[in-house]
């Protein structure tokens, strides 16, 4: 194994702790971790506008648990496996939100995702929209320069945890977007409330 990969894993673990990104269960099929935060800007959603400063639940992919892509690239089997695990994880998040009193004030659920291109047909964007999320352009808190370094870090994580995913994603093609849903709609969609 390349000696840089363990260093990136340790740094990612440290950064996750510093940022408050935490697992919410030990269930091995879960591919998401959670971070409570506040919205840095107004989030326009079809059923409600989330005001800047509102408490939100940020979803983060759990890199170690994303299904590995085979060296020849992702196929339909991989996509279905990933989709099933994502749906299972979202249902677990809904259950967690309902059963954790300190999270009652959460207004929206979502986050930032890399690799989704808004202008063309992209399975990631379409999947998120089918799940009920609104996909929005990324608000660059640190400008274009900061977004480049965020993308570089994402590229390093892909290289570390799932290197075959780089076959279809070069560093300079990575694009960030946001996906959001109100908490009420999230619970309706994923817990049957």
C-alpha atoms as a PDB file:
ATOM      1  CA  UNK A   1       0.000   0.000   0.000  1.00  0.00           C
ATOM      2  CA  UNK A   2       1.161   3.500  -0.796  1.00  0.00           C
ATOM      3  CA  UNK A   3       2.393   5.166   2.456  1.00  0.00           C
ATOM      4  CA  UNK A   4       0.401   8.317   1.664  1.00  0.00           C
ATOM      5  CA  UNK A   5      -2.980   6.556   1.915  1.00  0.00           C
ATOM      6  CA  UNK A   6      -2.725   5.768   5.671  1.00  0.00           C
ATOM      7  CA  UNK A   7      -1.672   9.381   6.312  1.00  0.00           C
ATOM      8  CA  UNK A   8      -4.719  10.663   4.408  1.00  0.00           C
ATOM      9  CA  UNK A   9      -6.967   8.285   6.376  1.00  0.00           C
ATOM     10  CA  UNK A  10      -5.557   9.568   9.683  1.00  0.00           C
ATOM     11  CA  UNK A  11      -5.949  13.180   8.573  1.00  0.00           C
ATOM     12  CA  UNK A  12      -9.538  12.525   7.456  1.00  0.00           C
ATOM     13  CA  UNK A  13     -10.335  10.922  10.829  1.00  0.00           C
ATOM     14  CA  UNK A  14      -8.843  13.933  12.632  1.00  0.00           C
ATOM     15  CA  UNK A  15     -10.656  16.457  10.420  1.00  0.00           C
ATOM     16  CA  UNK A  16     -13.954  14.624  10.905  1.00  0.00           C
ATOM     17  CA  UNK A  17     -13.569  14.827  14.685  1.00  0.00           C
ATOM     18  CA  UNK A  18     -12.663  18.534  14.524  1.00  0.00           C
ATOM     19  CA  UNK A  19     -15.639  19.280  12.246  1.00  0.00           C
ATOM     20  CA  UNK A  20     -18.060  17.224  14.384  1.00  0.00           C
ATOM     21  CA  UNK A  21     -18.792  14.647  11.660  1.00  0.00           C
ATOM     22  CA  UNK A  22     -19.781  11.525  13.572  1.00  0.00           C
ATOM     23  CA  UNK A  23     -21.248   8.081  13.077  1.00  0.00           C
ATOM     24  CA  UNK A  24     -24.717   7.776  14.559  1.00  0.00           C
ATOM     25  CA  UNK A  25     -24.783   3.962  14.636  1.00  0.00           C
ATOM     26  CA  UNK A  26     -22.472   0.956  14.394  1.00  0.00           C
ATOM     27  CA  UNK A  27     -24.723  -0.756  11.811  1.00  0.00           C
ATOM     28  CA  UNK A  28     -22.343  -1.963   9.083  1.00  0.00           C
ATOM     29  CA  UNK A  29     -24.687  -1.176   6.154  1.00  0.00           C
ATOM     30  CA  UNK A  30     -24.821   2.547   6.977  1.00  0.00           C
ATOM     31  CA  UNK A  31     -22.787   4.684   4.543  1.00  0.00           C
ATOM     32  CA  UNK A  32     -23.555   8.102   6.066  1.00  0.00           C
ATOM     33  CA  UNK A  33     -22.224  10.074   9.018  1.00  0.00           C
ATOM     34  CA  UNK A  34     -23.852  13.187  10.486  1.00  0.00           C
ATOM     35  CA  UNK A  35     -22.890  16.716  11.429  1.00  0.00           C
ATOM     36  CA  UNK A  36     -25.147  19.256  13.108  1.00  0.00           C
ATOM     37  CA  UNK A  37     -24.519  22.745  11.816  1.00  0.00           C
ATOM     38  CA  UNK A  38     -26.190  26.012  10.884  1.00  0.00           C
ATOM     39  CA  UNK A  39     -27.087  27.087   7.387  1.00  0.00           C
ATOM     40  CA  UNK A  40     -24.609  29.675   6.128  1.00  0.00           C
ATOM     41  CA  UNK A  41     -27.173  31.095   3.671  1.00  0.00           C
ATOM     42  CA  UNK A  42     -30.869  30.959   2.809  1.00  0.00           C
ATOM     43  CA  UNK A  43     -31.772  27.586   1.269  1.00  0.00           C
ATOM     44  CA  UNK A  44     -34.719  27.917  -1.146  1.00  0.00           C
ATOM     45  CA  UNK A  45     -36.814  24.740  -0.984  1.00  0.00           C
ATOM     46  CA  UNK A  46     -40.208  24.096  -2.612  1.00  0.00           C
ATOM     47  CA  UNK A  47     -42.065  23.767   0.707  1.00  0.00           C
ATOM     48  CA  UNK A  48     -40.111  26.227   2.876  1.00  0.00           C
ATOM     49  CA  UNK A  49     -37.213  28.670   2.714  1.00  0.00           C
ATOM     50  CA  UNK A  50     -34.573  27.770   5.304  1.00  0.00           C
ATOM     51  CA  UNK A  51     -33.172  31.011   6.715  1.00  0.00           C
ATOM     52  CA  UNK A  52     -29.453  31.547   7.143  1.00  0.00           C
ATOM     53  CA  UNK A  53     -28.420  30.504  10.645  1.00  0.00           C
ATOM     54  CA  UNK A  54     -31.085  27.794  10.947  1.00  0.00           C
ATOM     55  CA  UNK A  55     -30.002  24.464  12.473  1.00  0.00           C
ATOM     56  CA  UNK A  56     -29.415  21.808   9.810  1.00  0.00           C
ATOM     57  CA  UNK A  57     -28.295  18.183   9.669  1.00  0.00           C
ATOM     58  CA  UNK A  58     -25.426  17.716   7.211  1.00  0.00           C
ATOM     59  CA  UNK A  59     -25.024  14.274   5.646  1.00  0.00           C
ATOM     60  CA  UNK A  60     -21.496  13.029   4.905  1.00  0.00           C
ATOM     61  CA  UNK A  61     -20.588   9.870   3.050  1.00  0.00           C
ATOM     62  CA  UNK A  62     -18.685   7.449   5.256  1.00  0.00           C
ATOM     63  CA  UNK A  63     -15.720   6.891   2.925  1.00  0.00           C
ATOM     64  CA  UNK A  64     -14.661   3.542   4.368  1.00  0.00           C
ATOM     65  CA  UNK A  65     -18.136   2.128   3.803  1.00  0.00           C
ATOM     66  CA  UNK A  66     -18.841   3.226   0.239  1.00  0.00           C
ATOM     67  CA  UNK A  67     -18.965   0.036  -1.863  1.00  0.00           C
ATOM     68  CA  UNK A  68     -15.675  -0.453  -3.705  1.00  0.00           C
ATOM     69  CA  UNK A  69     -15.734   0.103  -7.428  1.00  0.00           C
ATOM     70  CA  UNK A  70     -14.036  -2.639  -9.448  1.00  0.00           C
ATOM     71  CA  UNK A  71     -10.927  -1.647 -11.467  1.00  0.00           C
ATOM     72  CA  UNK A  72     -12.919  -1.633 -14.724  1.00  0.00           C
ATOM     73  CA  UNK A  73     -15.280   0.992 -13.273  1.00  0.00           C
ATOM     74  CA  UNK A  74     -18.794   1.115 -11.829  1.00  0.00           C
ATOM     75  CA  UNK A  75     -21.465  -1.123 -13.317  1.00  0.00           C
ATOM     76  CA  UNK A  76     -25.187  -1.637 -12.774  1.00  0.00           C
ATOM     77  CA  UNK A  77     -24.578  -4.118  -9.943  1.00  0.00           C
ATOM     78  CA  UNK A  78     -22.444  -1.551  -8.099  1.00  0.00           C
ATOM     79  CA  UNK A  79     -25.009   1.219  -8.699  1.00  0.00           C
ATOM     80  CA  UNK A  80     -27.869  -0.891  -7.323  1.00  0.00           C
ATOM     81  CA  UNK A  81     -25.824  -1.947  -4.296  1.00  0.00           C
ATOM     82  CA  UNK A  82     -24.886   1.684  -3.596  1.00  0.00           C
ATOM     83  CA  UNK A  83     -28.483   2.856  -4.044  1.00  0.00           C
ATOM     84  CA  UNK A  84     -29.818   0.204  -1.632  1.00  0.00           C
ATOM     85  CA  UNK A  85     -27.252   1.125   1.015  1.00  0.00           C
ATOM     86  CA  UNK A  86     -27.964   4.840   0.580  1.00  0.00           C
ATOM     87  CA  UNK A  87     -31.709   4.330   0.959  1.00  0.00           C
ATOM     88  CA  UNK A  88     -31.158   2.122   4.024  1.00  0.00           C
ATOM     89  CA  UNK A  89     -28.881   4.815   5.493  1.00  0.00           C
ATOM     90  CA  UNK A  90     -31.398   7.604   4.867  1.00  0.00           C
ATOM     91  CA  UNK A  91     -34.103   5.591   6.637  1.00  0.00           C
ATOM     92  CA  UNK A  92     -31.723   5.078   9.572  1.00  0.00           C
ATOM     93  CA  UNK A  93     -31.025   8.836   9.678  1.00  0.00           C
ATOM     94  CA  UNK A  94     -34.783   9.522   9.791  1.00  0.00           C
ATOM     95  CA  UNK A  95     -35.181   7.060  12.669  1.00  0.00           C
ATOM     96  CA  UNK A  96     -32.251   8.733  14.471  1.00  0.00           C
ATOM     97  CA  UNK A  97     -33.726  12.211  13.951  1.00  0.00           C
ATOM     98  CA  UNK A  98     -37.065  11.121  15.418  1.00  0.00           C
ATOM     99  CA  UNK A  99     -35.515   9.451  18.438  1.00  0.00           C
ATOM    100  CA  UNK A 100     -32.971  12.107  19.452  1.00  0.00           C
ATOM    101  CA  UNK A 101     -34.535  14.997  21.357  1.00  0.00           C
ATOM    102  CA  UNK A 102     -31.618  17.459  20.913  1.00  0.00           C
ATOM    103  CA  UNK A 103     -32.197  17.244  17.141  1.00  0.00           C
ATOM    104  CA  UNK A 104     -35.825  18.424  17.329  1.00  0.00           C
ATOM    105  CA  UNK A 105     -34.868  21.925  16.153  1.00  0.00           C
ATOM    106  CA  UNK A 106     -33.245  20.758  12.911  1.00  0.00           C
ATOM    107  CA  UNK A 107     -34.840  22.595   9.956  1.00  0.00           C
ATOM    108  CA  UNK A 108     -33.297  20.810   6.957  1.00  0.00           C
ATOM    109  CA  UNK A 109     -31.267  17.744   5.989  1.00  0.00           C
ATOM    110  CA  UNK A 110     -28.689  17.709   3.207  1.00  0.00           C
ATOM    111  CA  UNK A 111     -25.149  18.699   2.404  1.00  0.00           C
ATOM    112  CA  UNK A 112     -22.574  19.114  -0.327  1.00  0.00           C
ATOM    113  CA  UNK A 113     -21.713  16.540  -2.947  1.00  0.00           C
ATOM    114  CA  UNK A 114     -18.957  16.410  -5.538  1.00  0.00           C
ATOM    115  CA  UNK A 115     -19.162  15.002  -9.083  1.00  0.00           C
ATOM    116  CA  UNK A 116     -22.712  16.080  -9.960  1.00  0.00           C
ATOM    117  CA  UNK A 117     -22.899  18.236 -13.075  1.00  0.00           C
ATOM    118  CA  UNK A 118     -26.018  20.396 -13.139  1.00  0.00           C
ATOM    119  CA  UNK A 119     -26.151  20.870 -16.893  1.00  0.00           C
ATOM    120  CA  UNK A 120     -26.175  17.308 -18.152  1.00  0.00           C
ATOM    121  CA  UNK A 121     -27.786  13.971 -17.424  1.00  0.00           C
ATOM    122  CA  UNK A 122     -26.046  12.717 -14.317  1.00  0.00           C
ATOM    123  CA  UNK A 123     -27.153   9.672 -12.360  1.00  0.00           C
ATOM    124  CA  UNK A 124     -26.072  11.161  -9.047  1.00  0.00           C
ATOM    125  CA  UNK A 125     -28.167  14.281  -9.498  1.00  0.00           C
ATOM    126  CA  UNK A 126     -31.135  12.312 -10.783  1.00  0.00           C
ATOM    127  CA  UNK A 127     -30.906   9.865  -7.877  1.00  0.00           C
ATOM    128  CA  UNK A 128     -30.898  12.688  -5.327  1.00  0.00           C
ATOM    129  CA  UNK A 129     -33.846  14.355  -7.035  1.00  0.00           C
ATOM    130  CA  UNK A 130     -35.769  11.058  -7.145  1.00  0.00           C
ATOM    131  CA  UNK A 131     -35.114  10.709  -3.421  1.00  0.00           C
ATOM    132  CA  UNK A 132     -36.759  14.121  -2.944  1.00  0.00           C
ATOM    133  CA  UNK A 133     -33.740  16.378  -2.454  1.00  0.00           C
ATOM    134  CA  UNK A 134     -33.436  19.693  -4.223  1.00  0.00           C
ATOM    135  CA  UNK A 135     -30.027  19.940  -5.905  1.00  0.00           C
ATOM    136  CA  UNK A 136     -28.653  23.500  -5.870  1.00  0.00           C
ATOM    137  CA  UNK A 137     -25.461  25.218  -7.045  1.00  0.00           C
ATOM    138  CA  UNK A 138     -22.676  25.210  -4.482  1.00  0.00           C
ATOM    139  CA  UNK A 139     -22.284  28.364  -2.399  1.00  0.00           C
ATOM    140  CA  UNK A 140     -18.540  28.902  -2.327  1.00  0.00           C
ATOM    141  CA  UNK A 141     -17.723  30.006   1.222  1.00  0.00           C
ATOM    142  CA  UNK A 142     -14.040  30.389   0.312  1.00  0.00           C
ATOM    143  CA  UNK A 143     -14.485  31.377  -3.347  1.00  0.00           C
ATOM    144  CA  UNK A 144     -13.181  29.537  -6.416  1.00  0.00           C
ATOM    145  CA  UNK A 145      -9.714  29.118  -4.892  1.00  0.00           C
ATOM    146  CA  UNK A 146     -11.192  27.480  -1.800  1.00  0.00           C
ATOM    147  CA  UNK A 147     -13.401  25.252  -3.932  1.00  0.00           C
ATOM    148  CA  UNK A 148     -10.331  24.036  -5.833  1.00  0.00           C
ATOM    149  CA  UNK A 149      -8.716  22.899  -2.561  1.00  0.00           C
ATOM    150  CA  UNK A 150     -11.962  21.277  -1.415  1.00  0.00           C
ATOM    151  CA  UNK A 151     -12.068  19.386  -4.711  1.00  0.00           C
ATOM    152  CA  UNK A 152      -8.400  18.428  -4.380  1.00  0.00           C
ATOM    153  CA  UNK A 153      -9.089  17.019  -0.912  1.00  0.00           C
ATOM    154  CA  UNK A 154     -12.109  15.106  -2.287  1.00  0.00           C
ATOM    155  CA  UNK A 155      -9.914  13.737  -5.091  1.00  0.00           C
ATOM    156  CA  UNK A 156      -7.369  12.560  -2.482  1.00  0.00           C
ATOM    157  CA  UNK A 157     -10.149  10.821  -0.532  1.00  0.00           C
ATOM    158  CA  UNK A 158     -11.370   9.097  -3.690  1.00  0.00           C
ATOM    159  CA  UNK A 159      -7.791   7.991  -4.459  1.00  0.00           C
ATOM    160  CA  UNK A 160      -7.397   6.712  -0.896  1.00  0.00           C
ATOM    161  CA  UNK A 161     -10.702   4.918  -0.336  1.00  0.00           C
ATOM    162  CA  UNK A 162     -12.027   4.016  -3.787  1.00  0.00           C
ATOM    163  CA  UNK A 163      -9.295   4.547  -6.416  1.00  0.00           C
ATOM    164  CA  UNK A 164     -11.261   3.020  -9.307  1.00  0.00           C
ATOM    165  CA  UNK A 165     -13.717   5.931  -9.011  1.00  0.00           C
ATOM    166  CA  UNK A 166     -11.004   8.185 -10.471  1.00  0.00           C
ATOM    167  CA  UNK A 167     -11.289   6.452 -13.851  1.00  0.00           C
ATOM    168  CA  UNK A 168     -14.207   8.715 -14.695  1.00  0.00           C
ATOM    169  CA  UNK A 169     -13.324  11.780 -12.593  1.00  0.00           C
ATOM    170  CA  UNK A 170     -10.278  13.960 -13.100  1.00  0.00           C
ATOM    171  CA  UNK A 171      -9.448  16.584 -10.504  1.00  0.00           C
ATOM    172  CA  UNK A 172     -10.328  19.464 -12.833  1.00  0.00           C
ATOM    173  CA  UNK A 173     -13.716  17.991 -13.763  1.00  0.00           C
ATOM    174  CA  UNK A 174     -14.955  17.755 -10.179  1.00  0.00           C
ATOM    175  CA  UNK A 175     -17.884  20.024  -9.459  1.00  0.00           C
ATOM    176  CA  UNK A 176     -19.591  20.646  -6.126  1.00  0.00           C
ATOM    177  CA  UNK A 177     -23.312  21.078  -5.562  1.00  0.00           C
ATOM    178  CA  UNK A 178     -25.637  21.076  -2.587  1.00  0.00           C
ATOM    179  CA  UNK A 179     -28.667  18.906  -1.896  1.00  0.00           C
ATOM    180  CA  UNK A 180     -31.325  19.808   0.672  1.00  0.00           C
ATOM    181  CA  UNK A 181     -34.760  18.844   1.932  1.00  0.00           C
ATOM    182  CA  UNK A 182     -36.779  20.195   4.856  1.00  0.00           C
ATOM    183  CA  UNK A 183     -36.662  17.972   7.922  1.00  0.00           C
ATOM    184  CA  UNK A 184     -40.447  17.454   7.817  1.00  0.00           C
ATOM    185  CA  UNK A 185     -40.321  16.281   4.208  1.00  0.00           C
ATOM    186  CA  UNK A 186     -37.285  14.102   4.975  1.00  0.00           C
ATOM    187  CA  UNK A 187     -39.180  12.367   7.795  1.00  0.00           C
ATOM    188  CA  UNK A 188     -42.270  11.908   5.620  1.00  0.00           C
ATOM    189  CA  UNK A 189     -40.171  10.445   2.858  1.00  0.00           C
ATOM    190  CA  UNK A 190     -37.913   8.128   4.857  1.00  0.00           C
ATOM    191  CA  UNK A 191     -39.818   7.198   8.008  1.00  0.00           C
ATOM    192  CA  UNK A 192     -43.437   7.154   6.905  1.00  0.00           C
ATOM    193  CA  UNK A 193     -44.369   9.826   9.470  1.00  0.00           C
END
